[in-house]
N, C-alpha and C. Protein backbone atom coordinates (compact mmCIF):
# COMPACT_ATOMS: atom_id res chain seq x y z
N MET A 1 36.33 -22.94 4.14
CA MET A 1 34.90 -22.62 4.25
C MET A 1 34.61 -22.07 5.64
N PRO A 2 33.92 -20.91 5.74
CA PRO A 2 33.62 -20.34 7.05
C PRO A 2 32.89 -21.31 7.95
N SER A 3 33.07 -21.18 9.25
CA SER A 3 32.53 -22.14 10.21
C SER A 3 31.02 -22.10 10.29
N ASP A 4 30.39 -21.00 9.83
CA ASP A 4 28.94 -20.93 9.91
C ASP A 4 28.28 -21.37 8.63
N ILE A 5 29.04 -22.04 7.72
CA ILE A 5 28.49 -22.54 6.48
C ILE A 5 28.63 -24.05 6.45
N LEU A 6 27.54 -24.74 6.19
CA LEU A 6 27.54 -26.19 6.13
C LEU A 6 28.23 -26.66 4.86
N PRO A 7 28.65 -27.94 4.77
CA PRO A 7 29.28 -28.46 3.55
C PRO A 7 28.43 -28.27 2.31
N SER A 8 27.11 -28.22 2.47
CA SER A 8 26.21 -28.01 1.33
C SER A 8 26.23 -26.58 0.83
N GLY A 9 26.80 -25.66 1.66
CA GLY A 9 26.79 -24.26 1.29
C GLY A 9 25.72 -23.47 2.00
N GLU A 10 24.85 -24.14 2.74
CA GLU A 10 23.79 -23.44 3.46
C GLU A 10 24.33 -22.88 4.77
N LEU A 11 23.71 -21.78 5.23
CA LEU A 11 24.12 -21.20 6.49
C LEU A 11 23.50 -21.97 7.65
N LYS A 12 24.27 -22.15 8.76
CA LYS A 12 23.74 -22.86 9.91
C LYS A 12 22.62 -22.08 10.58
N SER A 13 22.68 -20.76 10.51
CA SER A 13 21.63 -19.92 11.09
C SER A 13 21.52 -18.67 10.24
N PRO A 14 20.38 -17.95 10.33
CA PRO A 14 20.23 -16.75 9.53
C PRO A 14 21.35 -15.77 9.77
N HIS A 15 21.85 -15.20 8.70
CA HIS A 15 22.97 -14.28 8.81
C HIS A 15 22.48 -12.88 9.15
N PRO A 16 23.18 -12.14 10.04
CA PRO A 16 22.66 -10.87 10.53
C PRO A 16 22.86 -9.68 9.61
N LEU A 17 23.55 -9.84 8.48
CA LEU A 17 23.70 -8.70 7.59
C LEU A 17 22.34 -8.26 7.07
N VAL A 18 22.16 -6.98 6.94
CA VAL A 18 20.89 -6.44 6.45
C VAL A 18 21.18 -5.62 5.22
N LYS A 19 20.48 -5.89 4.14
CA LYS A 19 20.69 -5.20 2.89
C LYS A 19 20.07 -3.81 2.93
N SER A 20 20.76 -2.82 2.36
CA SER A 20 20.24 -1.47 2.25
C SER A 20 20.72 -0.85 0.95
N ARG A 21 20.16 0.31 0.61
CA ARG A 21 20.49 1.04 -0.61
C ARG A 21 20.13 0.22 -1.85
N LYS A 22 21.04 0.18 -2.81
CA LYS A 22 20.71 -0.32 -4.13
C LYS A 22 20.84 -1.83 -4.20
N SER A 23 20.63 -2.39 -5.42
CA SER A 23 20.51 -3.84 -5.59
C SER A 23 21.73 -4.59 -5.11
N ALA A 24 21.52 -5.87 -4.76
CA ALA A 24 22.55 -6.68 -4.11
C ALA A 24 23.75 -6.92 -5.01
N ILE A 25 24.90 -7.14 -4.37
CA ILE A 25 26.16 -7.27 -5.09
C ILE A 25 26.67 -8.70 -5.12
N LEU A 26 25.94 -9.63 -4.51
CA LEU A 26 26.48 -10.98 -4.41
C LEU A 26 26.50 -11.72 -5.74
N ASN A 27 26.15 -11.01 -6.85
CA ASN A 27 26.33 -11.63 -8.16
C ASN A 27 27.79 -11.91 -8.43
N PHE A 28 28.69 -11.31 -7.66
CA PHE A 28 30.10 -11.61 -7.85
C PHE A 28 30.42 -13.04 -7.43
N PHE A 29 29.64 -13.60 -6.51
CA PHE A 29 29.82 -15.01 -6.21
C PHE A 29 29.51 -15.84 -7.43
N LEU A 30 28.54 -15.38 -8.21
CA LEU A 30 28.20 -16.11 -9.43
C LEU A 30 29.31 -16.00 -10.45
N ALA A 31 30.02 -14.90 -10.46
CA ALA A 31 31.16 -14.77 -11.35
C ALA A 31 32.20 -15.84 -11.02
N ALA A 32 32.40 -16.08 -9.72
CA ALA A 32 33.31 -17.13 -9.31
C ALA A 32 32.77 -18.50 -9.70
N MET A 33 31.45 -18.68 -9.60
CA MET A 33 30.85 -19.95 -9.94
C MET A 33 31.03 -20.26 -11.42
N ALA A 34 31.08 -19.20 -12.25
CA ALA A 34 31.21 -19.39 -13.69
C ALA A 34 32.65 -19.63 -14.11
N SER A 35 33.61 -19.36 -13.24
CA SER A 35 35.01 -19.47 -13.59
C SER A 35 35.51 -20.89 -13.40
N GLU A 36 36.23 -21.40 -14.38
CA GLU A 36 36.77 -22.76 -14.28
C GLU A 36 37.82 -22.85 -13.19
N SER A 37 38.43 -21.71 -12.83
CA SER A 37 39.49 -21.74 -11.83
C SER A 37 38.97 -21.51 -10.42
N ALA A 38 37.66 -21.39 -10.26
CA ALA A 38 37.10 -21.14 -8.93
C ALA A 38 37.44 -22.30 -8.00
N LYS A 39 37.80 -21.96 -6.75
CA LYS A 39 38.17 -22.98 -5.77
C LYS A 39 36.96 -23.52 -5.02
N ILE A 40 35.83 -22.85 -5.16
CA ILE A 40 34.63 -23.24 -4.44
C ILE A 40 33.74 -24.04 -5.38
N HIS A 41 33.30 -25.20 -4.96
CA HIS A 41 32.47 -26.05 -5.80
C HIS A 41 31.19 -25.33 -6.19
N ASN A 42 30.76 -25.51 -7.44
CA ASN A 42 29.60 -24.78 -7.96
C ASN A 42 28.35 -24.98 -7.11
N VAL A 43 28.08 -26.21 -6.72
CA VAL A 43 26.86 -26.49 -5.96
C VAL A 43 26.91 -25.82 -4.60
N VAL A 44 28.06 -25.89 -3.94
CA VAL A 44 28.22 -25.26 -2.64
C VAL A 44 28.01 -23.76 -2.76
N LEU A 45 28.60 -23.15 -3.79
CA LEU A 45 28.48 -21.71 -3.98
C LEU A 45 27.03 -21.32 -4.29
N PHE A 46 26.36 -22.11 -5.11
CA PHE A 46 24.97 -21.82 -5.43
C PHE A 46 24.11 -21.86 -4.17
N ASN A 47 24.32 -22.87 -3.32
CA ASN A 47 23.56 -22.97 -2.08
C ASN A 47 23.87 -21.83 -1.12
N LEU A 48 25.14 -21.39 -1.12
CA LEU A 48 25.52 -20.26 -0.28
C LEU A 48 24.76 -19.01 -0.70
N ILE A 49 24.72 -18.76 -2.01
CA ILE A 49 23.98 -17.59 -2.51
C ILE A 49 22.50 -17.70 -2.14
N ASN A 50 21.95 -18.91 -2.27
CA ASN A 50 20.55 -19.11 -1.94
C ASN A 50 20.29 -18.80 -0.47
N SER A 51 21.18 -19.29 0.42
CA SER A 51 21.02 -19.04 1.85
C SER A 51 21.14 -17.56 2.16
N LEU A 52 22.14 -16.90 1.58
CA LEU A 52 22.34 -15.48 1.83
C LEU A 52 21.17 -14.67 1.30
N SER A 53 20.63 -15.06 0.16
CA SER A 53 19.54 -14.29 -0.42
C SER A 53 18.30 -14.35 0.46
N GLN A 54 18.14 -15.46 1.19
CA GLN A 54 17.01 -15.58 2.10
C GLN A 54 17.26 -14.83 3.40
N SER A 55 18.50 -14.89 3.90
CA SER A 55 18.78 -14.35 5.22
C SER A 55 18.97 -12.85 5.24
N ILE A 56 19.37 -12.24 4.10
CA ILE A 56 19.56 -10.79 4.11
C ILE A 56 18.67 -10.10 3.07
N GLU A 57 17.58 -10.79 2.74
CA GLU A 57 16.53 -10.19 1.92
C GLU A 57 17.03 -9.72 0.56
N LEU A 58 17.88 -10.55 -0.05
CA LEU A 58 18.35 -10.23 -1.39
C LEU A 58 17.38 -10.81 -2.41
N PRO A 59 17.50 -10.44 -3.69
CA PRO A 59 16.63 -10.99 -4.71
C PRO A 59 16.77 -12.51 -4.78
N ARG A 60 15.79 -13.16 -5.43
CA ARG A 60 15.81 -14.61 -5.56
C ARG A 60 17.03 -15.06 -6.36
N VAL A 61 17.44 -16.33 -6.17
CA VAL A 61 18.59 -16.87 -6.88
C VAL A 61 18.37 -16.77 -8.39
N ASP A 62 17.13 -16.95 -8.85
CA ASP A 62 16.84 -16.82 -10.28
C ASP A 62 17.28 -15.47 -10.80
N ASP A 63 17.10 -14.43 -9.99
CA ASP A 63 17.51 -13.09 -10.41
C ASP A 63 19.02 -13.02 -10.57
N PHE A 64 19.75 -13.67 -9.66
CA PHE A 64 21.20 -13.69 -9.77
C PHE A 64 21.64 -14.41 -11.04
N LEU A 65 20.97 -15.53 -11.34
CA LEU A 65 21.33 -16.29 -12.53
C LEU A 65 21.08 -15.47 -13.80
N GLN A 66 20.03 -14.66 -13.79
CA GLN A 66 19.76 -13.81 -14.94
C GLN A 66 20.84 -12.75 -15.10
N GLU A 67 21.41 -12.32 -13.98
CA GLU A 67 22.47 -11.31 -14.04
C GLU A 67 23.81 -11.91 -14.45
N LEU A 68 23.97 -13.22 -14.29
CA LEU A 68 25.25 -13.85 -14.55
C LEU A 68 25.68 -13.65 -16.00
N ALA A 69 24.75 -13.82 -16.93
CA ALA A 69 25.10 -13.66 -18.34
C ALA A 69 25.61 -12.25 -18.61
N ALA A 70 24.99 -11.27 -17.97
CA ALA A 70 25.42 -9.89 -18.17
C ALA A 70 26.82 -9.67 -17.60
N ILE A 71 27.10 -10.30 -16.44
CA ILE A 71 28.42 -10.17 -15.84
C ILE A 71 29.48 -10.73 -16.77
N GLN A 72 29.19 -11.89 -17.37
CA GLN A 72 30.16 -12.55 -18.24
C GLN A 72 30.41 -11.73 -19.50
N GLN A 73 29.45 -10.92 -19.91
CA GLN A 73 29.57 -10.17 -21.14
C GLN A 73 30.18 -8.79 -20.94
N THR A 74 30.28 -8.32 -19.70
CA THR A 74 30.80 -6.98 -19.46
C THR A 74 32.30 -7.03 -19.20
N SER A 75 32.96 -5.91 -19.46
CA SER A 75 34.39 -5.82 -19.20
C SER A 75 34.62 -5.69 -17.70
N SER A 76 35.86 -5.83 -17.27
CA SER A 76 36.17 -5.76 -15.86
C SER A 76 35.88 -4.37 -15.31
N LYS A 77 35.60 -4.32 -14.00
CA LYS A 77 35.25 -3.06 -13.34
C LYS A 77 36.27 -2.75 -12.25
N ARG A 78 36.28 -1.48 -11.86
CA ARG A 78 37.07 -1.05 -10.71
C ARG A 78 36.11 -0.95 -9.53
N ILE A 79 36.24 -1.86 -8.59
CA ILE A 79 35.29 -1.98 -7.50
C ILE A 79 35.98 -1.68 -6.17
N ALA A 80 35.43 -0.76 -5.41
CA ALA A 80 35.94 -0.44 -4.08
C ALA A 80 35.15 -1.22 -3.04
N LEU A 81 35.86 -1.75 -2.06
CA LEU A 81 35.21 -2.46 -0.96
C LEU A 81 35.76 -1.87 0.34
N LEU A 82 34.89 -1.26 1.12
CA LEU A 82 35.27 -0.61 2.37
C LEU A 82 34.33 -1.06 3.48
N GLY A 83 34.78 -0.91 4.73
CA GLY A 83 33.89 -1.26 5.82
C GLY A 83 34.50 -1.02 7.19
N SER A 84 33.71 -1.32 8.18
CA SER A 84 34.07 -1.09 9.57
C SER A 84 35.25 -1.96 10.00
N ARG A 85 36.01 -1.45 10.97
CA ARG A 85 37.09 -2.23 11.58
C ARG A 85 36.54 -3.30 12.52
N HIS A 86 35.36 -3.05 13.09
CA HIS A 86 34.82 -3.92 14.15
C HIS A 86 33.89 -4.96 13.53
N VAL A 87 34.50 -6.04 13.04
CA VAL A 87 33.75 -7.05 12.30
C VAL A 87 34.02 -8.43 12.90
N PRO A 88 32.98 -9.19 13.27
CA PRO A 88 33.18 -10.55 13.78
C PRO A 88 33.88 -11.42 12.75
N ILE A 89 34.59 -12.43 13.20
CA ILE A 89 35.40 -13.26 12.32
C ILE A 89 34.56 -13.95 11.24
N THR A 90 33.35 -14.39 11.58
CA THR A 90 32.52 -15.05 10.57
C THR A 90 32.14 -14.09 9.46
N HIS A 91 31.88 -12.83 9.79
CA HIS A 91 31.58 -11.83 8.77
C HIS A 91 32.81 -11.57 7.92
N GLN A 92 33.98 -11.54 8.56
CA GLN A 92 35.22 -11.33 7.81
C GLN A 92 35.43 -12.43 6.78
N GLN A 93 35.08 -13.64 7.15
CA GLN A 93 35.27 -14.76 6.22
C GLN A 93 34.37 -14.61 4.99
N LEU A 94 33.15 -14.15 5.20
CA LEU A 94 32.25 -13.95 4.06
C LEU A 94 32.73 -12.79 3.19
N ILE A 95 33.24 -11.73 3.81
CA ILE A 95 33.78 -10.61 3.04
C ILE A 95 35.00 -11.05 2.25
N GLU A 96 35.83 -11.88 2.86
CA GLU A 96 36.99 -12.41 2.15
C GLU A 96 36.57 -13.23 0.93
N MET A 97 35.52 -14.03 1.09
CA MET A 97 35.01 -14.80 -0.04
C MET A 97 34.48 -13.88 -1.14
N LEU A 98 33.83 -12.80 -0.73
CA LEU A 98 33.30 -11.86 -1.71
C LEU A 98 34.42 -11.20 -2.50
N SER A 99 35.45 -10.71 -1.81
CA SER A 99 36.55 -10.06 -2.52
C SER A 99 37.29 -11.05 -3.41
N TYR A 100 37.42 -12.28 -2.94
CA TYR A 100 38.04 -13.33 -3.75
C TYR A 100 37.27 -13.52 -5.05
N ALA A 101 35.95 -13.58 -4.95
CA ALA A 101 35.12 -13.77 -6.15
C ALA A 101 35.18 -12.57 -7.08
N ILE A 102 35.22 -11.36 -6.51
CA ILE A 102 35.30 -10.15 -7.33
C ILE A 102 36.56 -10.17 -8.19
N VAL A 103 37.70 -10.46 -7.56
CA VAL A 103 38.97 -10.45 -8.28
C VAL A 103 39.08 -11.64 -9.21
N LEU A 104 38.56 -12.78 -8.78
CA LEU A 104 38.59 -13.97 -9.62
C LEU A 104 37.84 -13.72 -10.92
N GLY A 105 36.83 -12.85 -10.88
CA GLY A 105 36.07 -12.50 -12.08
C GLY A 105 36.78 -11.50 -12.97
N GLY A 106 38.02 -11.12 -12.63
CA GLY A 106 38.79 -10.21 -13.47
C GLY A 106 38.61 -8.75 -13.14
N ASN A 107 37.94 -8.45 -12.04
CA ASN A 107 37.73 -7.06 -11.64
C ASN A 107 38.89 -6.55 -10.79
N GLN A 108 39.13 -5.25 -10.84
CA GLN A 108 40.12 -4.63 -9.97
C GLN A 108 39.46 -4.25 -8.65
N LEU A 109 40.10 -4.58 -7.55
CA LEU A 109 39.57 -4.27 -6.23
C LEU A 109 40.41 -3.18 -5.58
N ILE A 110 39.72 -2.18 -5.02
CA ILE A 110 40.38 -1.08 -4.32
C ILE A 110 39.85 -1.03 -2.90
N THR A 111 40.74 -0.96 -1.93
CA THR A 111 40.32 -0.86 -0.54
C THR A 111 41.36 -0.05 0.23
N SER A 112 41.17 0.04 1.54
CA SER A 112 42.13 0.74 2.38
C SER A 112 42.77 -0.25 3.33
N GLY A 113 43.57 0.26 4.27
CA GLY A 113 44.40 -0.65 5.06
C GLY A 113 43.96 -0.92 6.47
N ALA A 114 42.76 -0.55 6.84
CA ALA A 114 42.30 -0.77 8.20
C ALA A 114 42.06 -2.25 8.48
N THR A 115 42.02 -2.60 9.76
CA THR A 115 41.69 -3.97 10.15
C THR A 115 40.20 -4.21 9.91
N GLY A 116 39.76 -5.46 10.10
CA GLY A 116 38.35 -5.78 9.94
C GLY A 116 37.97 -6.00 8.49
N THR A 117 36.99 -5.25 8.01
CA THR A 117 36.48 -5.43 6.65
C THR A 117 37.57 -5.30 5.61
N ASN A 118 38.36 -4.24 5.68
CA ASN A 118 39.36 -3.99 4.64
C ASN A 118 40.45 -5.06 4.64
N SER A 119 40.84 -5.50 5.81
CA SER A 119 41.83 -6.57 5.90
C SER A 119 41.31 -7.85 5.28
N ALA A 120 40.04 -8.17 5.52
CA ALA A 120 39.43 -9.36 4.93
C ALA A 120 39.38 -9.23 3.41
N ALA A 121 39.07 -8.04 2.92
CA ALA A 121 39.03 -7.80 1.47
C ALA A 121 40.42 -8.01 0.86
N ILE A 122 41.45 -7.56 1.56
CA ILE A 122 42.82 -7.74 1.07
C ILE A 122 43.16 -9.23 0.99
N ARG A 123 42.82 -9.98 2.03
CA ARG A 123 43.13 -11.42 2.03
C ARG A 123 42.50 -12.13 0.84
N GLY A 124 41.23 -11.84 0.59
CA GLY A 124 40.55 -12.50 -0.51
C GLY A 124 41.14 -12.13 -1.86
N ALA A 125 41.43 -10.85 -2.06
CA ALA A 125 42.00 -10.41 -3.32
C ALA A 125 43.39 -10.97 -3.55
N MET A 126 44.19 -11.05 -2.48
CA MET A 126 45.54 -11.59 -2.60
C MET A 126 45.51 -13.06 -3.00
N ARG A 127 44.53 -13.79 -2.53
CA ARG A 127 44.42 -15.20 -2.91
C ARG A 127 44.05 -15.36 -4.38
N ALA A 128 43.23 -14.43 -4.88
CA ALA A 128 42.75 -14.55 -6.26
C ALA A 128 43.78 -14.04 -7.26
N ASP A 129 44.24 -12.80 -7.10
CA ASP A 129 45.24 -12.22 -8.01
C ASP A 129 45.77 -10.93 -7.39
N PRO A 130 46.95 -10.96 -6.77
CA PRO A 130 47.49 -9.77 -6.11
C PRO A 130 47.65 -8.57 -7.04
N ASN A 131 47.82 -8.83 -8.34
CA ASN A 131 48.02 -7.73 -9.29
C ASN A 131 46.76 -6.91 -9.52
N LEU A 132 45.60 -7.44 -9.14
CA LEU A 132 44.34 -6.72 -9.34
C LEU A 132 43.88 -5.99 -8.08
N LEU A 133 44.75 -5.96 -7.07
CA LEU A 133 44.41 -5.30 -5.81
C LEU A 133 45.21 -4.00 -5.65
N THR A 134 44.50 -2.93 -5.29
CA THR A 134 45.14 -1.67 -4.93
C THR A 134 44.68 -1.28 -3.53
N VAL A 135 45.63 -0.98 -2.66
CA VAL A 135 45.32 -0.55 -1.29
C VAL A 135 45.81 0.88 -1.13
N ILE A 136 44.91 1.77 -0.74
CA ILE A 136 45.24 3.17 -0.52
C ILE A 136 45.17 3.46 0.98
N LEU A 137 46.26 3.85 1.56
CA LEU A 137 46.32 4.12 3.00
C LEU A 137 45.94 5.57 3.29
N PRO A 138 45.30 5.81 4.43
CA PRO A 138 44.95 7.19 4.80
C PRO A 138 46.17 8.02 5.17
N GLN A 139 47.23 7.35 5.64
CA GLN A 139 48.45 8.02 6.05
C GLN A 139 49.64 7.16 5.61
N SER A 140 50.81 7.43 6.12
CA SER A 140 51.98 6.64 5.75
C SER A 140 51.94 5.27 6.41
N MET A 141 52.77 4.36 5.90
CA MET A 141 52.80 3.00 6.45
C MET A 141 53.15 3.01 7.93
N SER A 142 54.02 3.90 8.34
CA SER A 142 54.46 3.93 9.74
C SER A 142 53.32 4.27 10.69
N ARG A 143 52.26 4.87 10.18
CA ARG A 143 51.12 5.24 11.03
C ARG A 143 50.06 4.14 11.09
N GLN A 144 50.28 3.06 10.38
CA GLN A 144 49.30 1.97 10.37
C GLN A 144 49.47 1.09 11.61
N PRO A 145 48.38 0.46 12.07
CA PRO A 145 48.48 -0.43 13.23
C PRO A 145 49.50 -1.54 12.99
N ARG A 146 50.19 -1.91 14.03
CA ARG A 146 51.23 -2.94 13.90
C ARG A 146 50.68 -4.23 13.29
N GLU A 147 49.43 -4.60 13.68
CA GLU A 147 48.87 -5.85 13.18
C GLU A 147 48.55 -5.79 11.70
N SER A 148 48.52 -4.59 11.10
CA SER A 148 48.22 -4.45 9.68
C SER A 148 49.46 -4.44 8.80
N ARG A 149 50.59 -4.09 9.37
CA ARG A 149 51.78 -3.84 8.55
C ARG A 149 52.28 -5.08 7.81
N ASP A 150 52.29 -6.22 8.49
CA ASP A 150 52.77 -7.44 7.84
C ASP A 150 51.97 -7.74 6.58
N GLN A 151 50.65 -7.58 6.68
CA GLN A 151 49.79 -7.83 5.52
C GLN A 151 50.04 -6.80 4.43
N LEU A 152 50.12 -5.53 4.81
CA LEU A 152 50.28 -4.45 3.83
C LEU A 152 51.61 -4.54 3.09
N GLU A 153 52.62 -5.06 3.75
CA GLU A 153 53.93 -5.18 3.10
C GLU A 153 53.92 -6.19 1.96
N GLN A 154 52.90 -7.04 1.91
CA GLN A 154 52.77 -8.02 0.84
C GLN A 154 52.00 -7.47 -0.37
N VAL A 155 51.39 -6.30 -0.22
CA VAL A 155 50.56 -5.73 -1.30
C VAL A 155 51.44 -5.12 -2.37
N ILE A 156 51.19 -5.46 -3.62
CA ILE A 156 52.01 -4.97 -4.73
C ILE A 156 51.71 -3.50 -5.01
N HIS A 157 50.42 -3.18 -5.13
CA HIS A 157 50.02 -1.81 -5.46
C HIS A 157 49.52 -1.12 -4.19
N LEU A 158 50.46 -0.49 -3.49
CA LEU A 158 50.17 0.16 -2.22
C LEU A 158 50.44 1.66 -2.34
N VAL A 159 49.44 2.46 -1.98
CA VAL A 159 49.55 3.92 -2.07
C VAL A 159 49.54 4.49 -0.66
N GLU A 160 50.61 5.16 -0.28
CA GLU A 160 50.68 5.82 1.02
C GLU A 160 50.33 7.30 0.88
N ASN A 161 49.89 7.89 1.98
CA ASN A 161 49.56 9.32 2.00
C ASN A 161 50.23 10.00 3.19
N PRO A 162 51.56 10.11 3.15
CA PRO A 162 52.28 10.73 4.27
C PRO A 162 51.90 12.19 4.50
N LYS A 163 51.37 12.85 3.49
CA LYS A 163 50.95 14.25 3.65
C LYS A 163 49.82 14.38 4.65
N ASN A 164 49.14 13.26 4.97
CA ASN A 164 48.03 13.29 5.92
C ASN A 164 48.44 12.89 7.33
N ASP A 165 49.74 12.68 7.56
CA ASP A 165 50.19 12.20 8.86
C ASP A 165 49.88 13.20 9.99
N SER A 166 49.77 14.46 9.65
CA SER A 166 49.50 15.48 10.67
C SER A 166 48.01 15.57 11.01
N LEU A 167 47.17 14.89 10.23
CA LEU A 167 45.72 14.93 10.46
C LEU A 167 45.31 13.84 11.45
N SER A 168 44.14 14.00 12.03
CA SER A 168 43.58 12.93 12.85
C SER A 168 43.19 11.78 11.93
N LEU A 169 43.08 10.57 12.50
CA LEU A 169 42.74 9.41 11.67
C LEU A 169 41.39 9.57 10.99
N PRO A 170 40.33 10.06 11.67
CA PRO A 170 39.05 10.26 10.98
C PRO A 170 39.16 11.21 9.79
N GLU A 171 39.93 12.29 9.95
CA GLU A 171 40.10 13.24 8.85
C GLU A 171 40.86 12.60 7.69
N ALA A 172 41.94 11.89 8.03
CA ALA A 172 42.73 11.24 6.99
C ALA A 172 41.93 10.14 6.29
N SER A 173 41.13 9.41 7.06
CA SER A 173 40.31 8.34 6.48
C SER A 173 39.27 8.89 5.52
N ALA A 174 38.67 10.01 5.88
CA ALA A 174 37.67 10.63 5.01
C ALA A 174 38.30 11.05 3.68
N MET A 175 39.49 11.62 3.74
CA MET A 175 40.19 12.02 2.52
C MET A 175 40.60 10.80 1.70
N CYS A 176 41.05 9.76 2.38
CA CYS A 176 41.43 8.52 1.70
C CYS A 176 40.23 7.91 0.98
N ASN A 177 39.09 7.88 1.65
CA ASN A 177 37.88 7.33 1.04
C ASN A 177 37.47 8.11 -0.19
N GLN A 178 37.68 9.44 -0.15
CA GLN A 178 37.37 10.26 -1.32
C GLN A 178 38.25 9.85 -2.50
N GLU A 179 39.52 9.61 -2.23
CA GLU A 179 40.42 9.18 -3.29
C GLU A 179 40.00 7.82 -3.85
N ILE A 180 39.58 6.93 -2.96
CA ILE A 180 39.16 5.60 -3.39
C ILE A 180 37.94 5.68 -4.29
N ILE A 181 36.92 6.44 -3.90
CA ILE A 181 35.72 6.48 -4.72
C ILE A 181 35.97 7.22 -6.04
N SER A 182 36.96 8.11 -6.06
CA SER A 182 37.28 8.79 -7.33
C SER A 182 37.88 7.81 -8.33
N ARG A 183 38.45 6.72 -7.83
CA ARG A 183 39.10 5.73 -8.70
C ARG A 183 38.17 4.60 -9.11
N CYS A 184 37.07 4.41 -8.38
CA CYS A 184 36.24 3.23 -8.62
C CYS A 184 35.01 3.56 -9.47
N GLN A 185 34.40 2.51 -9.99
CA GLN A 185 33.11 2.61 -10.68
C GLN A 185 31.97 2.17 -9.77
N GLN A 186 32.30 1.37 -8.79
CA GLN A 186 31.29 0.77 -7.93
C GLN A 186 31.84 0.66 -6.51
N LEU A 187 30.99 0.92 -5.52
CA LEU A 187 31.39 0.86 -4.11
C LEU A 187 30.52 -0.14 -3.37
N ILE A 188 31.18 -1.04 -2.65
CA ILE A 188 30.49 -1.96 -1.73
C ILE A 188 30.96 -1.59 -0.33
N CYS A 189 30.02 -1.38 0.58
CA CYS A 189 30.37 -0.92 1.92
C CYS A 189 29.66 -1.73 2.98
N PHE A 190 30.39 -2.13 4.02
CA PHE A 190 29.84 -2.85 5.17
C PHE A 190 29.99 -1.94 6.38
N ALA A 191 28.88 -1.56 6.99
CA ALA A 191 28.95 -0.54 8.05
C ALA A 191 27.90 -0.78 9.12
N PHE A 192 28.03 0.00 10.20
CA PHE A 192 27.00 0.10 11.23
C PHE A 192 26.25 1.41 11.01
N HIS A 193 25.11 1.54 11.62
CA HIS A 193 24.34 2.78 11.45
C HIS A 193 25.05 4.00 12.05
N GLU A 194 26.03 3.75 12.92
CA GLU A 194 26.79 4.84 13.53
C GLU A 194 28.14 5.05 12.84
N SER A 195 28.37 4.39 11.72
CA SER A 195 29.65 4.53 11.00
C SER A 195 29.59 5.79 10.12
N HIS A 196 29.73 6.93 10.75
CA HIS A 196 29.46 8.20 10.07
C HIS A 196 30.40 8.43 8.88
N THR A 197 31.68 8.13 9.02
CA THR A 197 32.61 8.35 7.91
C THR A 197 32.27 7.48 6.72
N LEU A 198 31.95 6.21 6.98
CA LEU A 198 31.60 5.30 5.89
C LEU A 198 30.28 5.70 5.22
N LEU A 199 29.31 6.09 6.03
CA LEU A 199 28.02 6.49 5.46
C LEU A 199 28.15 7.76 4.62
N LYS A 200 29.00 8.67 5.06
CA LYS A 200 29.26 9.88 4.28
C LYS A 200 29.96 9.51 2.97
N THR A 201 30.86 8.54 3.01
CA THR A 201 31.52 8.07 1.80
C THR A 201 30.51 7.52 0.80
N CYS A 202 29.53 6.76 1.29
CA CYS A 202 28.49 6.21 0.42
C CYS A 202 27.68 7.33 -0.22
N GLU A 203 27.33 8.33 0.57
CA GLU A 203 26.57 9.46 0.03
C GLU A 203 27.36 10.20 -1.04
N ASP A 204 28.64 10.42 -0.77
CA ASP A 204 29.49 11.10 -1.75
C ASP A 204 29.62 10.29 -3.03
N ALA A 205 29.73 8.98 -2.90
CA ALA A 205 29.84 8.12 -4.08
C ALA A 205 28.56 8.17 -4.91
N GLU A 206 27.42 8.18 -4.25
CA GLU A 206 26.15 8.27 -4.98
C GLU A 206 26.04 9.61 -5.71
N GLU A 207 26.50 10.67 -5.07
CA GLU A 207 26.48 11.99 -5.72
C GLU A 207 27.36 12.00 -6.95
N GLN A 208 28.40 11.19 -6.95
CA GLN A 208 29.28 11.09 -8.12
C GLN A 208 28.78 10.03 -9.11
N ARG A 209 27.57 9.58 -8.89
CA ARG A 209 26.91 8.61 -9.76
C ARG A 209 27.63 7.27 -9.84
N LYS A 210 28.22 6.88 -8.73
CA LYS A 210 28.78 5.54 -8.63
C LYS A 210 27.67 4.58 -8.23
N VAL A 211 27.83 3.31 -8.57
CA VAL A 211 26.91 2.29 -8.09
C VAL A 211 27.31 1.97 -6.65
N VAL A 212 26.38 2.12 -5.72
CA VAL A 212 26.68 1.94 -4.30
C VAL A 212 25.79 0.84 -3.71
N THR A 213 26.41 -0.10 -3.02
CA THR A 213 25.68 -1.12 -2.28
C THR A 213 26.17 -1.10 -0.83
N LEU A 214 25.25 -0.87 0.08
CA LEU A 214 25.59 -0.72 1.49
C LEU A 214 24.92 -1.81 2.31
N PHE A 215 25.71 -2.55 3.08
CA PHE A 215 25.22 -3.58 3.98
C PHE A 215 25.44 -3.11 5.42
N TYR A 216 24.41 -3.25 6.25
CA TYR A 216 24.53 -2.88 7.67
C TYR A 216 24.78 -4.13 8.51
N PHE A 217 25.64 -3.99 9.49
CA PHE A 217 25.89 -5.07 10.44
C PHE A 217 24.88 -5.05 11.58
N ASP A 218 24.18 -3.91 11.78
CA ASP A 218 23.23 -3.82 12.89
C ASP A 218 21.84 -3.43 12.40
């Protein structure tokens, strides 16, 4: 359990994430709450959703509960989760919980190999079901940061892009993000207002009629 969450599931202080764009995505926590194999106690998870819904201006918990039945009745989705490298550890823990819940609900998770948000997404998905995780790298494995390689070597479905090794990292990342959104049905993004590549990815995904949910850290 993240250090900023009490045993009851409530946050110790208001969380700084700010909701933007389309409707909230934390219904995936409810998918975990509905699963018999969930590792998080139902009451704790319910209180966590309640705290988050208050602190980042999400819909009321009743709205999430109404969506739960629909989640249980729909087939699995291909969900992309991307975000900034510069993420405080407490935020990473919440992102890890989110990716864990997404995969635990039977959804396929697609992300990239950067540190921060994407690394947290990988950790959560690997705990839930490594077979439902796909990681697409902007360049070859040899071009990835040393601190990322150990984690990436554990990923079953890993896609490298050595053809982009001659490009700058921003250029390669933009192309990688395009490939990711072409594969997904839904995009969840954690960014800052100055995260130009990520914000452009969200715009491109919306133009392709993907469901996009964008959370700002600032």
